[in-house]
Amino acid sequence: MKINKEVSTDFRNHVFMCFKYLGLGSPTNIQYEIARQIQEGPNDQIIVAGRGTGKSTISACFASWVWLTNQNATFLILSNTQ
């Protein structure tokens, strides 16, 4: 599979493409900041943001982004609903 270099090297570009595919429009500045933090931050971080910010969607985009380069990767995504 051929992967666009801009998408494979910068998670924010992948988030943009995912949002367009899902019909969500362009990501907001806070969503781009969450994406940057996920890519560049420590491996043991917690993302805290208000409801409706897109944390779960961006996390799912991150899983698909990692799978683009490592099909053997595994993920554990936890989400609390009320």
N, C-alpha and C. Protein backbone atom coordinates (compact mmCIF):
# COMPACT_ATOMS: atom_id res chain seq x y z
N MET A 1 0.84 -1.17 0.00
CA MET A 1 0.00 0.00 0.00
C MET A 1 0.89 1.24 0.00
N LYS A 2 0.60 2.18 -0.88
CA LYS A 2 1.35 3.42 -0.94
C LYS A 2 0.69 4.45 -0.02
N ILE A 3 1.51 5.03 0.86
CA ILE A 3 1.02 5.99 1.84
C ILE A 3 1.64 7.35 1.56
N ASN A 4 0.82 8.37 1.51
CA ASN A 4 1.30 9.74 1.31
C ASN A 4 2.25 10.11 2.44
N LYS A 5 3.44 10.64 2.11
CA LYS A 5 4.45 10.96 3.12
C LYS A 5 3.95 11.97 4.14
N GLU A 6 3.19 12.98 3.71
CA GLU A 6 2.68 13.98 4.64
C GLU A 6 1.73 13.37 5.66
N VAL A 7 0.97 12.36 5.23
CA VAL A 7 0.02 11.70 6.13
C VAL A 7 0.75 10.73 7.06
N SER A 8 1.77 10.05 6.56
CA SER A 8 2.45 9.05 7.38
C SER A 8 3.41 9.66 8.39
N THR A 9 3.86 10.90 8.17
CA THR A 9 4.83 11.50 9.09
C THR A 9 4.21 12.49 10.08
N ASP A 10 3.04 13.01 9.79
CA ASP A 10 2.40 13.98 10.67
C ASP A 10 0.96 13.55 10.94
N PHE A 11 0.70 13.17 12.18
CA PHE A 11 -0.62 12.68 12.56
C PHE A 11 -1.72 13.70 12.30
N ARG A 12 -1.41 14.98 12.42
CA ARG A 12 -2.42 16.02 12.18
C ARG A 12 -2.97 15.95 10.75
N ASN A 13 -2.13 15.63 9.78
CA ASN A 13 -2.60 15.47 8.40
C ASN A 13 -3.53 14.27 8.28
N HIS A 14 -3.21 13.20 9.00
CA HIS A 14 -4.09 12.02 8.99
C HIS A 14 -5.43 12.35 9.63
N VAL A 15 -5.42 13.12 10.73
CA VAL A 15 -6.67 13.53 11.36
C VAL A 15 -7.52 14.34 10.38
N PHE A 16 -6.89 15.25 9.64
CA PHE A 16 -7.61 16.04 8.65
C PHE A 16 -8.29 15.12 7.63
N MET A 17 -7.53 14.14 7.12
CA MET A 17 -8.08 13.22 6.11
C MET A 17 -9.21 12.37 6.70
N CYS A 18 -9.05 11.89 7.94
CA CYS A 18 -10.10 11.10 8.59
C CYS A 18 -11.37 11.92 8.78
N PHE A 19 -11.23 13.15 9.25
CA PHE A 19 -12.39 14.00 9.47
C PHE A 19 -13.13 14.26 8.16
N LYS A 20 -12.38 14.51 7.10
CA LYS A 20 -13.02 14.72 5.78
C LYS A 20 -13.77 13.47 5.35
N TYR A 21 -13.13 12.30 5.51
CA TYR A 21 -13.75 11.04 5.12
C TYR A 21 -15.03 10.78 5.92
N LEU A 22 -15.00 11.13 7.21
CA LEU A 22 -16.17 10.92 8.07
C LEU A 22 -17.23 12.01 7.94
N GLY A 23 -16.94 13.03 7.14
CA GLY A 23 -17.90 14.12 6.95
C GLY A 23 -17.99 15.06 8.13
N LEU A 24 -16.91 15.18 8.89
CA LEU A 24 -16.90 16.03 10.08
C LEU A 24 -16.37 17.43 9.81
N GLY A 25 -15.98 17.72 8.60
CA GLY A 25 -15.41 19.02 8.29
C GLY A 25 -13.95 19.07 8.72
N SER A 26 -13.41 20.25 8.78
CA SER A 26 -12.01 20.41 9.18
C SER A 26 -11.89 20.37 10.70
N PRO A 27 -10.82 19.76 11.22
CA PRO A 27 -10.61 19.76 12.67
C PRO A 27 -10.42 21.18 13.19
N THR A 28 -10.81 21.40 14.44
CA THR A 28 -10.62 22.70 15.07
C THR A 28 -9.17 22.81 15.56
N ASN A 29 -8.80 23.98 16.01
CA ASN A 29 -7.44 24.18 16.54
C ASN A 29 -7.17 23.29 17.74
N ILE A 30 -8.15 23.13 18.63
CA ILE A 30 -7.94 22.27 19.80
C ILE A 30 -7.79 20.82 19.37
N GLN A 31 -8.51 20.40 18.34
CA GLN A 31 -8.37 19.03 17.85
C GLN A 31 -6.99 18.81 17.22
N TYR A 32 -6.48 19.80 16.51
CA TYR A 32 -5.12 19.70 15.99
C TYR A 32 -4.11 19.65 17.14
N GLU A 33 -4.36 20.39 18.21
CA GLU A 33 -3.45 20.38 19.36
C GLU A 33 -3.48 19.02 20.06
N ILE A 34 -4.65 18.42 20.17
CA ILE A 34 -4.76 17.08 20.75
C ILE A 34 -3.98 16.09 19.88
N ALA A 35 -4.12 16.20 18.57
CA ALA A 35 -3.39 15.31 17.65
C ALA A 35 -1.88 15.49 17.80
N ARG A 36 -1.44 16.74 17.92
CA ARG A 36 0.00 16.99 18.08
C ARG A 36 0.50 16.39 19.38
N GLN A 37 -0.28 16.56 20.44
CA GLN A 37 0.12 16.03 21.75
C GLN A 37 0.18 14.51 21.72
N ILE A 38 -0.77 13.87 21.06
CA ILE A 38 -0.76 12.42 20.96
C ILE A 38 0.49 11.95 20.22
N GLN A 39 0.84 12.63 19.13
CA GLN A 39 2.00 12.22 18.35
C GLN A 39 3.32 12.51 19.06
N GLU A 40 3.45 13.69 19.65
CA GLU A 40 4.74 14.13 20.18
C GLU A 40 4.89 13.97 21.68
N GLY A 41 3.79 13.77 22.39
CA GLY A 41 3.83 13.71 23.84
C GLY A 41 4.34 12.37 24.35
N PRO A 42 4.39 12.21 25.67
CA PRO A 42 4.86 10.95 26.25
C PRO A 42 3.89 9.80 25.97
N ASN A 43 4.38 8.58 26.06
CA ASN A 43 3.54 7.41 25.80
C ASN A 43 2.52 7.16 26.89
N ASP A 44 2.76 7.67 28.09
CA ASP A 44 1.86 7.41 29.21
C ASP A 44 1.07 8.66 29.60
N GLN A 45 0.41 9.25 28.65
CA GLN A 45 -0.32 10.48 28.90
C GLN A 45 -1.83 10.25 28.93
N ILE A 46 -2.53 11.18 29.53
CA ILE A 46 -3.99 11.18 29.56
C ILE A 46 -4.45 12.46 28.87
N ILE A 47 -5.35 12.33 27.93
CA ILE A 47 -5.90 13.49 27.24
C ILE A 47 -7.17 13.92 27.97
N VAL A 48 -7.18 15.14 28.48
CA VAL A 48 -8.32 15.68 29.21
C VAL A 48 -8.83 16.89 28.45
N ALA A 49 -10.09 16.82 28.03
CA ALA A 49 -10.72 17.93 27.32
C ALA A 49 -12.23 17.81 27.52
N GLY A 50 -12.94 18.85 27.22
CA GLY A 50 -14.38 18.87 27.42
C GLY A 50 -15.13 17.89 26.55
N ARG A 51 -16.39 17.66 26.92
CA ARG A 51 -17.25 16.78 26.13
C ARG A 51 -17.42 17.35 24.73
N GLY A 52 -17.45 16.47 23.75
CA GLY A 52 -17.66 16.88 22.37
C GLY A 52 -16.42 17.42 21.69
N THR A 53 -15.28 17.29 22.34
CA THR A 53 -14.04 17.80 21.74
C THR A 53 -13.52 16.87 20.65
N GLY A 54 -13.90 15.61 20.70
CA GLY A 54 -13.45 14.66 19.68
C GLY A 54 -12.32 13.76 20.15
N LYS A 55 -12.17 13.61 21.44
CA LYS A 55 -11.07 12.79 21.99
C LYS A 55 -11.16 11.35 21.49
N SER A 56 -12.33 10.75 21.54
CA SER A 56 -12.48 9.36 21.11
C SER A 56 -12.27 9.21 19.60
N THR A 57 -12.79 10.16 18.84
CA THR A 57 -12.60 10.12 17.38
C THR A 57 -11.14 10.25 17.02
N ILE A 58 -10.44 11.17 17.66
CA ILE A 58 -9.02 11.37 17.38
C ILE A 58 -8.23 10.14 17.82
N SER A 59 -8.62 9.50 18.92
CA SER A 59 -7.95 8.27 19.35
C SER A 59 -8.12 7.16 18.32
N ALA A 60 -9.32 7.04 17.76
CA ALA A 60 -9.55 6.04 16.72
C ALA A 60 -8.73 6.36 15.47
N CYS A 61 -8.62 7.65 15.15
CA CYS A 61 -7.77 8.06 14.02
C CYS A 61 -6.32 7.70 14.29
N PHE A 62 -5.89 7.83 15.54
CA PHE A 62 -4.51 7.49 15.89
C PHE A 62 -4.26 6.00 15.67
N ALA A 63 -5.21 5.17 16.05
CA ALA A 63 -5.06 3.72 15.83
C ALA A 63 -4.90 3.42 14.34
N SER A 64 -5.72 4.04 13.51
CA SER A 64 -5.61 3.79 12.06
C SER A 64 -4.31 4.34 11.50
N TRP A 65 -3.82 5.45 12.05
CA TRP A 65 -2.54 6.04 11.61
C TRP A 65 -1.37 5.11 11.94
N VAL A 66 -1.38 4.55 13.15
CA VAL A 66 -0.30 3.62 13.52
C VAL A 66 -0.37 2.36 12.66
N TRP A 67 -1.58 1.87 12.39
CA TRP A 67 -1.74 0.68 11.56
C TRP A 67 -1.23 0.88 10.14
N LEU A 68 -1.19 2.13 9.68
CA LEU A 68 -0.66 2.37 8.33
C LEU A 68 0.80 1.95 8.20
N THR A 69 1.55 2.06 9.28
CA THR A 69 2.97 1.72 9.23
C THR A 69 3.31 0.43 9.97
N ASN A 70 2.42 -0.07 10.83
CA ASN A 70 2.69 -1.29 11.59
C ASN A 70 1.41 -2.08 11.75
N GLN A 71 1.17 -3.01 10.84
CA GLN A 71 -0.06 -3.78 10.86
C GLN A 71 -0.11 -4.77 12.04
N ASN A 72 0.98 -4.96 12.76
CA ASN A 72 1.01 -5.85 13.91
C ASN A 72 0.78 -5.13 15.22
N ALA A 73 0.54 -3.84 15.18
CA ALA A 73 0.33 -3.06 16.40
C ALA A 73 -0.98 -3.48 17.07
N THR A 74 -1.01 -3.39 18.39
CA THR A 74 -2.23 -3.65 19.15
C THR A 74 -2.57 -2.43 19.99
N PHE A 75 -3.85 -2.26 20.29
CA PHE A 75 -4.32 -1.07 20.99
C PHE A 75 -5.31 -1.44 22.07
N LEU A 76 -5.32 -0.66 23.12
CA LEU A 76 -6.34 -0.72 24.14
C LEU A 76 -6.88 0.70 24.29
N ILE A 77 -8.13 0.89 23.90
CA ILE A 77 -8.77 2.20 23.99
C ILE A 77 -9.91 2.08 24.99
N LEU A 78 -9.85 2.90 26.02
CA LEU A 78 -10.88 2.92 27.04
C LEU A 78 -11.71 4.18 26.91
N SER A 79 -13.03 4.02 27.00
CA SER A 79 -13.91 5.18 26.93
C SER A 79 -15.07 4.94 27.88
N ASN A 80 -15.41 5.94 28.64
CA ASN A 80 -16.49 5.83 29.61
C ASN A 80 -17.74 6.50 29.06
N THR A 81 -18.86 5.83 29.13
CA THR A 81 -20.12 6.44 28.73
C THR A 81 -21.06 6.43 29.93
N GLN A 82 -22.01 7.31 29.91
CA GLN A 82 -22.95 7.39 31.04
C GLN A 82 -24.30 6.87 30.64
